[in-house]
């Protein structure tokens, strides 16, 4: 087992580095991204009105953060499974999820204003956090062991 660990030390170090980069993105989110909802959702958001925001800046902030998380997540998937087809498939899924989630986010934001803040919270959570990788890794692993 120790030999196997030593053989895979580059992969293990790479995985640790990528996970640390995901943590750094989270740690410096206030400095890196435009998102007036960061502080809004820390408080009692069900009783507060929505914060003022610039839709275009918010979209590009979400896109930038989602893209960083996606790139790091795809790298993690590649290192874990070493299959480029899984990375391609994951890329398509990430792009489709982004499109659906952004449409849902702005729909809730503009059409439901303060009525569905919890839905807005969870849609935004999928956009800003690398949650999808937590779904993809077990799914791909299950698929791999059943081949």
N, C-alpha and C. Protein backbone atom coordinates (compact mmCIF):
# COMPACT_ATOMS: atom_id res chain seq x y z
N UNK A 1 0.82 -1.19 0.00
CA UNK A 1 0.00 0.00 0.00
C UNK A 1 0.87 1.26 0.00
N UNK A 2 1.97 1.21 0.73
CA UNK A 2 2.87 2.36 0.76
C UNK A 2 3.46 2.62 -0.62
N UNK A 3 3.79 1.54 -1.35
CA UNK A 3 4.29 1.70 -2.72
C UNK A 3 3.25 2.38 -3.61
N UNK A 4 1.99 2.00 -3.43
CA UNK A 4 0.93 2.61 -4.22
C UNK A 4 0.80 4.09 -3.90
N UNK A 5 0.92 4.43 -2.62
CA UNK A 5 0.88 5.84 -2.21
C UNK A 5 2.04 6.62 -2.81
N UNK A 6 3.21 6.04 -2.78
CA UNK A 6 4.39 6.72 -3.33
C UNK A 6 4.28 6.88 -4.84
N UNK A 7 3.70 5.90 -5.52
CA UNK A 7 3.52 6.00 -6.96
C UNK A 7 2.53 7.10 -7.33
N UNK A 8 1.57 7.32 -6.47
CA UNK A 8 0.52 8.29 -6.75
C UNK A 8 0.70 9.60 -6.00
N UNK A 9 1.89 9.85 -5.50
CA UNK A 9 2.08 11.05 -4.69
C UNK A 9 1.85 12.34 -5.49
N UNK A 10 2.18 12.35 -6.76
CA UNK A 10 1.93 13.55 -7.58
C UNK A 10 0.43 13.78 -7.70
N UNK A 11 -0.33 12.71 -7.92
CA UNK A 11 -1.79 12.85 -8.01
C UNK A 11 -2.37 13.32 -6.69
N UNK A 12 -1.90 12.78 -5.59
CA UNK A 12 -2.41 13.15 -4.28
C UNK A 12 -2.08 14.61 -3.97
N UNK A 13 -0.86 15.01 -4.25
CA UNK A 13 -0.46 16.40 -4.01
C UNK A 13 -1.26 17.34 -4.91
N UNK A 14 -1.49 16.94 -6.14
CA UNK A 14 -2.29 17.75 -7.06
C UNK A 14 -3.72 17.89 -6.57
N UNK A 15 -4.30 16.81 -6.10
CA UNK A 15 -5.66 16.87 -5.56
C UNK A 15 -5.75 17.78 -4.35
N UNK A 16 -4.79 17.67 -3.46
CA UNK A 16 -4.76 18.53 -2.28
C UNK A 16 -4.62 19.99 -2.70
N UNK A 17 -3.76 20.25 -3.67
CA UNK A 17 -3.58 21.62 -4.16
C UNK A 17 -4.85 22.18 -4.78
N UNK A 18 -5.55 21.37 -5.57
CA UNK A 18 -6.80 21.84 -6.19
C UNK A 18 -7.89 22.10 -5.15
N UNK A 19 -7.98 21.23 -4.16
CA UNK A 19 -8.96 21.45 -3.09
C UNK A 19 -8.60 22.71 -2.30
N UNK A 20 -7.33 22.94 -2.08
CA UNK A 20 -6.90 24.18 -1.41
C UNK A 20 -7.25 25.41 -2.24
N UNK A 21 -7.11 25.31 -3.55
CA UNK A 21 -7.51 26.43 -4.42
C UNK A 21 -9.00 26.71 -4.32
N UNK A 22 -9.81 25.66 -4.23
CA UNK A 22 -11.25 25.85 -4.03
C UNK A 22 -11.51 26.55 -2.69
N UNK A 23 -10.76 26.16 -1.67
CA UNK A 23 -10.91 26.81 -0.36
C UNK A 23 -10.46 28.27 -0.40
N UNK A 24 -9.41 28.56 -1.16
CA UNK A 24 -8.93 29.95 -1.29
C UNK A 24 -9.97 30.82 -2.00
N UNK A 25 -10.62 30.26 -3.01
CA UNK A 25 -11.69 31.00 -3.68
C UNK A 25 -12.78 31.35 -2.67
N UNK A 26 -13.13 30.42 -1.84
CA UNK A 26 -14.15 30.66 -0.81
C UNK A 26 -13.67 31.68 0.22
N UNK A 27 -12.43 31.57 0.62
CA UNK A 27 -11.90 32.46 1.65
C UNK A 27 -11.81 33.92 1.19
N UNK A 28 -11.52 34.13 -0.08
CA UNK A 28 -11.35 35.48 -0.61
C UNK A 28 -12.51 35.91 -1.51
N UNK A 29 -13.68 35.35 -1.27
CA UNK A 29 -14.83 35.65 -2.12
C UNK A 29 -15.22 37.12 -2.09
N UNK A 30 -15.09 37.76 -0.95
CA UNK A 30 -15.45 39.19 -0.87
C UNK A 30 -14.55 40.07 -1.71
N UNK A 31 -13.28 39.71 -1.82
CA UNK A 31 -12.33 40.51 -2.58
C UNK A 31 -12.34 40.17 -4.07
N UNK A 32 -12.65 38.94 -4.42
CA UNK A 32 -12.55 38.49 -5.80
C UNK A 32 -13.79 38.75 -6.65
N UNK A 33 -14.97 38.74 -6.04
CA UNK A 33 -16.19 38.72 -6.82
C UNK A 33 -17.16 39.82 -6.39
N UNK A 34 -17.89 40.33 -7.37
CA UNK A 34 -18.99 41.25 -7.06
C UNK A 34 -20.21 40.41 -6.73
N UNK A 35 -20.64 40.48 -5.49
CA UNK A 35 -21.83 39.74 -5.07
C UNK A 35 -22.43 40.40 -3.84
N UNK A 36 -23.40 41.30 -4.04
CA UNK A 36 -24.03 41.96 -2.90
C UNK A 36 -24.87 41.00 -2.05
N UNK A 37 -25.08 39.80 -2.55
CA UNK A 37 -25.88 38.83 -1.79
C UNK A 37 -25.05 38.08 -0.75
N UNK A 38 -23.72 38.24 -0.77
CA UNK A 38 -22.89 37.57 0.23
C UNK A 38 -23.28 38.01 1.64
N UNK A 39 -23.31 39.31 1.86
CA UNK A 39 -23.67 39.81 3.20
C UNK A 39 -25.17 39.72 3.44
N UNK A 40 -25.96 39.82 2.39
CA UNK A 40 -27.42 39.74 2.52
C UNK A 40 -27.85 38.40 3.10
N UNK A 41 -27.29 37.31 2.59
CA UNK A 41 -27.69 35.99 3.05
C UNK A 41 -27.04 35.59 4.36
N UNK A 42 -26.12 36.40 4.88
CA UNK A 42 -25.56 36.13 6.20
C UNK A 42 -26.51 36.56 7.30
N UNK A 43 -27.38 37.52 7.00
CA UNK A 43 -28.33 38.04 7.99
C UNK A 43 -29.67 37.32 7.90
N UNK A 44 -30.68 37.95 8.48
CA UNK A 44 -32.04 37.42 8.45
C UNK A 44 -32.70 37.85 7.15
N UNK A 45 -32.33 37.19 6.08
CA UNK A 45 -32.72 37.63 4.74
C UNK A 45 -34.21 37.48 4.44
N UNK A 46 -34.92 36.68 5.19
CA UNK A 46 -36.35 36.53 4.93
C UNK A 46 -37.14 37.78 5.31
N UNK A 47 -36.56 38.59 6.19
CA UNK A 47 -37.25 39.81 6.62
C UNK A 47 -36.68 41.07 5.97
N UNK A 48 -35.56 40.94 5.29
CA UNK A 48 -34.91 42.10 4.68
C UNK A 48 -35.29 42.22 3.21
N UNK A 49 -35.35 43.45 2.71
CA UNK A 49 -35.55 43.60 1.26
C UNK A 49 -34.27 43.20 0.52
N UNK A 50 -34.42 42.85 -0.75
CA UNK A 50 -33.25 42.49 -1.55
C UNK A 50 -32.29 43.67 -1.63
N UNK A 51 -30.98 43.39 -1.64
CA UNK A 51 -30.02 44.49 -1.75
C UNK A 51 -30.01 45.08 -3.15
N UNK A 52 -29.51 46.29 -3.26
CA UNK A 52 -29.33 46.91 -4.58
C UNK A 52 -28.19 46.16 -5.28
N UNK A 53 -28.35 45.95 -6.57
CA UNK A 53 -27.31 45.24 -7.31
C UNK A 53 -27.31 45.68 -8.77
N UNK A 54 -26.17 45.49 -9.39
CA UNK A 54 -26.00 45.73 -10.81
C UNK A 54 -26.10 44.37 -11.50
N UNK A 55 -27.12 44.18 -12.30
CA UNK A 55 -27.37 42.86 -12.91
C UNK A 55 -26.22 42.36 -13.77
N UNK A 56 -25.63 43.25 -14.55
CA UNK A 56 -24.54 42.84 -15.44
C UNK A 56 -23.31 42.45 -14.63
N UNK A 57 -22.95 43.29 -13.66
CA UNK A 57 -21.79 42.97 -12.81
C UNK A 57 -22.04 41.69 -12.02
N UNK A 58 -23.25 41.50 -11.55
CA UNK A 58 -23.58 40.29 -10.81
C UNK A 58 -23.46 39.06 -11.71
N UNK A 59 -23.98 39.16 -12.94
CA UNK A 59 -23.87 38.04 -13.87
C UNK A 59 -22.42 37.67 -14.12
N UNK A 60 -21.59 38.67 -14.42
CA UNK A 60 -20.19 38.36 -14.71
C UNK A 60 -19.44 37.89 -13.46
N UNK A 61 -19.83 38.38 -12.29
CA UNK A 61 -19.25 37.87 -11.05
C UNK A 61 -19.60 36.41 -10.84
N UNK A 62 -20.87 36.07 -11.08
CA UNK A 62 -21.29 34.67 -10.96
C UNK A 62 -20.62 33.79 -12.01
N UNK A 63 -20.52 34.31 -13.23
CA UNK A 63 -19.87 33.56 -14.31
C UNK A 63 -18.40 33.31 -13.99
N UNK A 64 -17.72 34.33 -13.50
CA UNK A 64 -16.30 34.19 -13.17
C UNK A 64 -16.09 33.17 -12.06
N UNK A 65 -16.89 33.27 -11.01
CA UNK A 65 -16.75 32.34 -9.89
C UNK A 65 -17.12 30.92 -10.31
N UNK A 66 -18.20 30.77 -11.04
CA UNK A 66 -18.62 29.46 -11.52
C UNK A 66 -17.55 28.86 -12.42
N UNK A 67 -16.96 29.68 -13.28
CA UNK A 67 -15.91 29.20 -14.18
C UNK A 67 -14.69 28.73 -13.43
N UNK A 68 -14.26 29.49 -12.43
CA UNK A 68 -13.11 29.06 -11.63
C UNK A 68 -13.40 27.73 -10.93
N UNK A 69 -14.57 27.64 -10.31
CA UNK A 69 -14.93 26.40 -9.64
C UNK A 69 -15.04 25.24 -10.63
N UNK A 70 -15.58 25.52 -11.82
CA UNK A 70 -15.72 24.49 -12.84
C UNK A 70 -14.36 23.98 -13.30
N UNK A 71 -13.44 24.89 -13.59
CA UNK A 71 -12.11 24.49 -14.07
C UNK A 71 -11.39 23.64 -13.02
N UNK A 72 -11.44 24.07 -11.77
CA UNK A 72 -10.79 23.29 -10.71
C UNK A 72 -11.49 21.95 -10.52
N UNK A 73 -12.81 21.93 -10.62
CA UNK A 73 -13.55 20.68 -10.47
C UNK A 73 -13.24 19.71 -11.62
N UNK A 74 -13.15 20.23 -12.83
CA UNK A 74 -12.80 19.38 -13.97
C UNK A 74 -11.39 18.81 -13.82
N UNK A 75 -10.48 19.62 -13.29
CA UNK A 75 -9.12 19.13 -13.05
C UNK A 75 -9.14 18.01 -12.00
N UNK A 76 -9.95 18.17 -10.97
CA UNK A 76 -10.07 17.13 -9.94
C UNK A 76 -10.63 15.85 -10.55
N UNK A 77 -11.64 15.98 -11.38
CA UNK A 77 -12.24 14.80 -12.03
C UNK A 77 -11.21 14.11 -12.92
N UNK A 78 -10.43 14.89 -13.65
CA UNK A 78 -9.42 14.28 -14.50
C UNK A 78 -8.35 13.55 -13.67
N UNK A 79 -7.91 14.17 -12.60
CA UNK A 79 -6.87 13.54 -11.77
C UNK A 79 -7.40 12.27 -11.12
N UNK A 80 -8.65 12.29 -10.68
CA UNK A 80 -9.21 11.11 -10.02
C UNK A 80 -9.44 9.95 -10.98
N UNK A 81 -9.98 10.25 -12.17
CA UNK A 81 -10.41 9.17 -13.06
C UNK A 81 -9.54 9.00 -14.30
N UNK A 82 -8.75 10.00 -14.64
CA UNK A 82 -7.85 9.96 -15.80
C UNK A 82 -8.57 9.53 -17.08
N UNK A 83 -9.77 10.07 -17.27
CA UNK A 83 -10.54 9.79 -18.48
C UNK A 83 -11.01 11.12 -19.06
N UNK A 84 -10.54 11.43 -20.25
CA UNK A 84 -10.88 12.70 -20.88
C UNK A 84 -12.36 12.73 -21.27
N UNK A 85 -12.96 11.57 -21.54
CA UNK A 85 -14.39 11.54 -21.87
C UNK A 85 -15.25 11.99 -20.69
N UNK A 86 -14.86 11.64 -19.48
CA UNK A 86 -15.59 12.11 -18.29
C UNK A 86 -15.46 13.62 -18.14
N UNK A 87 -14.29 14.15 -18.47
CA UNK A 87 -14.09 15.59 -18.38
C UNK A 87 -14.95 16.31 -19.42
N UNK A 88 -15.02 15.77 -20.63
CA UNK A 88 -15.86 16.36 -21.67
C UNK A 88 -17.33 16.32 -21.27
N UNK A 89 -17.76 15.18 -20.78
CA UNK A 89 -19.15 15.03 -20.33
C UNK A 89 -19.45 15.99 -19.19
N UNK A 90 -18.53 16.09 -18.24
CA UNK A 90 -18.71 16.99 -17.11
C UNK A 90 -18.77 18.44 -17.56
N UNK A 91 -17.96 18.80 -18.54
CA UNK A 91 -17.97 20.16 -19.06
C UNK A 91 -19.33 20.50 -19.64
N UNK A 92 -19.89 19.59 -20.41
CA UNK A 92 -21.21 19.82 -20.99
C UNK A 92 -22.25 19.98 -19.88
N UNK A 93 -22.17 19.12 -18.87
CA UNK A 93 -23.11 19.23 -17.75
C UNK A 93 -22.94 20.54 -17.00
N UNK A 94 -21.70 20.94 -16.75
CA UNK A 94 -21.46 22.22 -16.06
C UNK A 94 -22.05 23.39 -16.84
N UNK A 95 -21.85 23.41 -18.13
CA UNK A 95 -22.37 24.51 -18.95
C UNK A 95 -23.90 24.50 -18.93
N UNK A 96 -24.50 23.34 -19.09
CA UNK A 96 -25.96 23.25 -19.06
C UNK A 96 -26.52 23.67 -17.70
N UNK A 97 -25.89 23.20 -16.64
CA UNK A 97 -26.32 23.60 -15.30
C UNK A 97 -26.19 25.11 -15.11
N UNK A 98 -25.13 25.70 -15.62
CA UNK A 98 -24.96 27.14 -15.47
C UNK A 98 -26.09 27.88 -16.17
N UNK A 99 -26.40 27.49 -17.38
CA UNK A 99 -27.46 28.16 -18.13
C UNK A 99 -28.80 28.05 -17.38
N UNK A 100 -29.14 26.85 -16.94
CA UNK A 100 -30.41 26.63 -16.23
C UNK A 100 -30.42 27.40 -14.91
N UNK A 101 -29.33 27.34 -14.17
CA UNK A 101 -29.29 28.00 -12.86
C UNK A 101 -29.33 29.52 -12.98
N UNK A 102 -28.65 30.09 -13.96
CA UNK A 102 -28.67 31.54 -14.13
C UNK A 102 -30.06 32.01 -14.53
N UNK A 103 -30.69 31.28 -15.43
CA UNK A 103 -32.05 31.64 -15.81
C UNK A 103 -32.98 31.56 -14.60
N UNK A 104 -32.86 30.50 -13.82
CA UNK A 104 -33.69 30.35 -12.63
C UNK A 104 -33.38 31.44 -11.61
N UNK A 105 -32.11 31.77 -11.42
CA UNK A 105 -31.70 32.79 -10.46
C UNK A 105 -32.31 34.14 -10.81
N UNK A 106 -32.15 34.57 -12.06
CA UNK A 106 -32.68 35.87 -12.46
C UNK A 106 -34.21 35.86 -12.53
N UNK A 107 -34.80 34.73 -12.84
CA UNK A 107 -36.27 34.65 -12.83
C UNK A 107 -36.81 34.85 -11.43
N UNK A 108 -36.23 34.16 -10.47
CA UNK A 108 -36.66 34.33 -9.08
C UNK A 108 -36.36 35.74 -8.61
N UNK A 109 -35.23 36.26 -8.98
CA UNK A 109 -34.82 37.59 -8.55
C UNK A 109 -35.76 38.68 -9.05
N UNK A 110 -36.18 38.58 -10.30
CA UNK A 110 -37.00 39.64 -10.89
C UNK A 110 -38.50 39.41 -10.78
N UNK A 111 -38.94 38.15 -10.82
CA UNK A 111 -40.37 37.91 -10.84
C UNK A 111 -40.98 37.63 -9.47
N UNK A 112 -40.15 37.21 -8.52
CA UNK A 112 -40.69 36.89 -7.21
C UNK A 112 -40.18 37.82 -6.12
N UNK A 113 -39.35 38.76 -6.46
CA UNK A 113 -38.74 39.75 -5.54
C UNK A 113 -38.46 39.17 -4.17
N UNK A 114 -39.22 39.54 -3.16
CA UNK A 114 -38.92 39.09 -1.79
C UNK A 114 -39.73 37.89 -1.35
N UNK A 115 -40.41 37.25 -2.25
CA UNK A 115 -41.31 36.16 -1.86
C UNK A 115 -40.59 34.82 -1.70
N UNK A 116 -39.56 34.58 -2.49
CA UNK A 116 -38.89 33.27 -2.47
C UNK A 116 -37.40 33.42 -2.22
N UNK A 117 -37.05 34.02 -1.11
CA UNK A 117 -35.63 34.23 -0.81
C UNK A 117 -34.89 32.92 -0.55
N UNK A 118 -35.59 31.93 -0.02
CA UNK A 118 -34.94 30.65 0.23
C UNK A 118 -34.59 29.95 -1.08
N UNK A 119 -35.46 30.02 -2.06
CA UNK A 119 -35.17 29.44 -3.38
C UNK A 119 -33.99 30.19 -4.00
N UNK A 120 -34.00 31.50 -3.89
CA UNK A 120 -32.90 32.31 -4.41
C UNK A 120 -31.58 31.92 -3.73
N UNK A 121 -31.63 31.70 -2.43
CA UNK A 121 -30.45 31.30 -1.66
C UNK A 121 -29.87 30.00 -2.21
N UNK A 122 -30.72 29.00 -2.44
CA UNK A 122 -30.22 27.70 -2.88
C UNK A 122 -29.77 27.69 -4.34
N UNK A 123 -30.45 28.42 -5.19
CA UNK A 123 -29.99 28.51 -6.58
C UNK A 123 -28.63 29.18 -6.61
N UNK A 124 -28.49 30.27 -5.86
CA UNK A 124 -27.21 30.99 -5.80
C UNK A 124 -26.12 30.09 -5.22
N UNK A 125 -26.47 29.28 -4.26
CA UNK A 125 -25.50 28.36 -3.64
C UNK A 125 -24.93 27.41 -4.69
N UNK A 126 -25.77 26.89 -5.58
CA UNK A 126 -25.27 26.01 -6.64
C UNK A 126 -24.39 26.78 -7.62
N UNK A 127 -24.64 28.07 -7.80
CA UNK A 127 -23.83 28.86 -8.72
C UNK A 127 -22.47 29.23 -8.13
N UNK A 128 -22.40 29.48 -6.84
CA UNK A 128 -21.15 30.01 -6.28
C UNK A 128 -20.29 28.97 -5.58
N UNK A 129 -20.84 27.81 -5.26
CA UNK A 129 -20.07 26.78 -4.57
C UNK A 129 -19.86 25.58 -5.49
N UNK A 130 -18.76 24.87 -5.33
CA UNK A 130 -18.51 23.69 -6.18
C UNK A 130 -19.28 22.46 -5.70
N UNK A 131 -20.58 22.59 -5.61
CA UNK A 131 -21.43 21.50 -5.12
C UNK A 131 -21.55 20.37 -6.14
N UNK A 132 -21.53 20.73 -7.41
CA UNK A 132 -21.75 19.70 -8.44
C UNK A 132 -20.69 18.62 -8.42
N UNK A 133 -19.48 18.97 -8.02
CA UNK A 133 -18.43 17.94 -7.98
C UNK A 133 -18.75 16.89 -6.92
N UNK A 134 -19.46 17.30 -5.88
CA UNK A 134 -19.86 16.35 -4.84
C UNK A 134 -20.89 15.34 -5.38
N UNK A 135 -21.56 15.71 -6.45
CA UNK A 135 -22.49 14.79 -7.10
C UNK A 135 -21.79 13.96 -8.18
N UNK A 136 -20.89 14.59 -8.89
CA UNK A 136 -20.23 13.92 -10.02
C UNK A 136 -19.26 12.83 -9.58
N UNK A 137 -18.44 13.09 -8.59
CA UNK A 137 -17.41 12.12 -8.19
C UNK A 137 -18.03 10.78 -7.76
N UNK A 138 -19.01 10.76 -6.86
CA UNK A 138 -19.60 9.46 -6.52
C UNK A 138 -20.30 8.79 -7.72
N UNK A 139 -20.94 9.60 -8.55
CA UNK A 139 -21.60 9.03 -9.73
C UNK A 139 -20.62 8.41 -10.70
N UNK A 140 -19.53 9.10 -10.96
CA UNK A 140 -18.52 8.57 -11.88
C UNK A 140 -17.81 7.36 -11.26
N UNK A 141 -17.59 7.41 -9.95
CA UNK A 141 -16.95 6.28 -9.29
C UNK A 141 -17.85 5.04 -9.36
N UNK A 142 -19.13 5.24 -9.11
CA UNK A 142 -20.09 4.13 -9.18
C UNK A 142 -20.13 3.56 -10.60
N UNK A 143 -20.11 4.43 -11.58
CA UNK A 143 -20.10 3.99 -12.97
C UNK A 143 -18.83 3.22 -13.29
N UNK A 144 -17.71 3.67 -12.75
CA UNK A 144 -16.43 3.03 -13.04
C UNK A 144 -16.37 1.63 -12.43
N UNK A 145 -16.85 1.47 -11.21
CA UNK A 145 -16.76 0.14 -10.58
C UNK A 145 -17.79 -0.85 -11.16
N UNK A 146 -18.81 -0.32 -11.83
CA UNK A 146 -19.81 -1.21 -12.43
C UNK A 146 -19.54 -1.51 -13.90
N UNK A 147 -18.41 -1.05 -14.43
CA UNK A 147 -18.06 -1.37 -15.83
C UNK A 147 -17.55 -2.78 -15.94
